[in-house]
Structure formats: structure tokens, C-alpha cells
Amino acid sequence: MSETASALIAALMRETAAAAGKPTAPVSVQIDWSRAGLNDDAMTQARVRIDRVTKTLVFAQADLTDADGGRASAAAVFKILA
């Protein structure tokens, strides 16, 4: 599951930085798995949704699914760095 968590966080960092137009750093990341034992080798690309961008924070969500229908989802808050 560590590869799954890394993939979700990397996708969130990439997309929040793009939305903010500046680098970001995680403040809070919560990851939920639909079941234990997701297949790290069969993961699809993470889908990230930016919920809101303020002057200092970006709020986002991400989903990642495997070929067997397992899913990991994340809700995150990122700080916009100067």
C-alpha cells in the first residue's frame, strides 16, 4: 500500500502546485482504502479534483483504482509556498 499512498500524494502535489501556480506542501492528507491488499502493480492513473484554492491553501481530493476494482481515495489540504 505504500506505493499506492505515494502515487496519490505525488498526484496531489503535482495538481495542487499547478492549480496554485506555485509549489505546495502537504498540511493534511487522509487516505482511505476500500479494502486491504490493493494491487500496486495494476493501479490506474490517479484522478485529482481541486475543490478550492485560497491565497494560502489548496483543498483537493484524489481517487486511484486497481484492475480488481479496489480503490484508494484521499482528501488533502496543501499550503501554497512563496
Protein backbone atom coordinates (compact mmCIF):
# COMPACT_ATOMS: atom_id res chain seq x y z
CA MET A 1 0.00 0.00 0.00
CA SER A 2 2.94 2.36 0.34
CA GLU A 3 3.23 2.64 -3.45
CA THR A 4 -0.47 3.49 -3.58
CA ALA A 5 -0.08 6.20 -0.96
CA SER A 6 2.99 7.58 -2.75
CA ALA A 7 1.14 7.68 -6.07
CA LEU A 8 -1.81 9.51 -4.53
CA ILE A 9 0.37 12.06 -2.72
CA ALA A 10 2.54 12.65 -5.81
CA ALA A 11 -0.55 13.27 -7.95
CA LEU A 12 -1.98 15.62 -5.33
CA MET A 13 1.30 17.56 -5.08
CA ARG A 14 1.55 17.89 -8.86
CA GLU A 15 -2.05 19.06 -9.33
CA THR A 16 -2.19 21.39 -6.32
CA ALA A 17 1.01 23.12 -7.46
CA ALA A 18 -0.47 23.51 -10.94
CA ALA A 19 -3.70 24.95 -9.50
CA ALA A 20 -1.82 27.37 -7.24
CA GLY A 21 0.79 28.33 -9.81
CA LYS A 22 3.42 27.82 -7.09
CA PRO A 23 4.93 24.89 -5.20
CA THR A 24 2.80 23.40 -2.42
CA ALA A 25 3.44 21.34 0.70
CA PRO A 26 1.02 18.96 2.40
CA VAL A 27 -0.65 20.15 5.60
CA SER A 28 -3.11 17.27 5.92
CA VAL A 29 -3.64 14.11 3.87
CA GLN A 30 -6.21 11.44 4.73
CA ILE A 31 -6.17 8.24 2.67
CA ASP A 32 -8.99 5.68 2.79
CA TRP A 33 -8.78 2.24 1.23
CA SER A 34 -11.88 0.37 0.05
CA ARG A 35 -10.20 -2.89 1.08
CA ALA A 36 -6.83 -4.17 2.19
CA GLY A 37 -4.42 -5.55 -0.36
CA LEU A 38 -4.81 -3.23 -3.32
CA ASN A 39 -2.81 -4.44 -6.30
CA ASP A 40 0.03 -1.89 -6.60
CA ASP A 41 1.08 -3.39 -9.96
CA ALA A 42 -2.32 -2.78 -11.56
CA MET A 43 -3.03 0.79 -10.49
CA THR A 44 -4.55 3.22 -12.93
CA GLN A 45 -3.65 6.88 -13.00
CA ALA A 46 -4.87 8.95 -10.08
CA ARG A 47 -7.74 11.33 -10.72
CA VAL A 48 -7.38 14.57 -8.79
CA ARG A 49 -10.10 17.13 -8.21
CA ILE A 50 -9.23 20.58 -6.91
CA ASP A 51 -12.06 21.68 -4.61
CA ARG A 52 -10.88 25.17 -3.70
CA VAL A 53 -7.86 27.45 -3.91
CA THR A 54 -7.40 30.32 -1.44
CA LYS A 55 -4.47 32.73 -1.01
CA THR A 56 -2.59 30.25 1.16
CA LEU A 57 -4.24 26.81 0.81
CA VAL A 58 -5.39 24.32 -1.82
CA PHE A 59 -8.10 21.76 -0.98
CA ALA A 60 -8.15 18.65 -3.14
CA GLN A 61 -9.35 15.06 -3.46
CA ALA A 62 -7.92 12.11 -5.38
CA ASP A 63 -9.02 8.60 -6.37
CA LEU A 64 -6.95 5.65 -7.53
CA THR A 65 -8.35 2.27 -8.59
CA ASP A 66 -6.76 -1.08 -9.36
CA ALA A 67 -7.71 -3.62 -12.01
CA ASP A 68 -9.66 -5.66 -9.44
CA GLY A 69 -11.93 -2.77 -8.51
CA GLY A 70 -10.17 -1.86 -5.29
CA ARG A 71 -9.95 1.82 -4.61
CA ALA A 72 -7.95 4.28 -2.57
CA SER A 73 -9.17 7.83 -2.11
CA ALA A 74 -7.59 10.83 -0.46
CA ALA A 75 -8.69 14.21 0.85
CA ALA A 76 -5.93 16.75 1.32
CA VAL A 77 -5.04 20.30 2.23
CA PHE A 78 -1.84 21.81 0.82
CA LYS A 79 -0.13 25.06 1.79
CA ILE A 80 0.93 27.31 -1.06
CA LEU A 81 4.63 28.12 -0.69
CA ALA A 82 6.07 31.53 -1.55
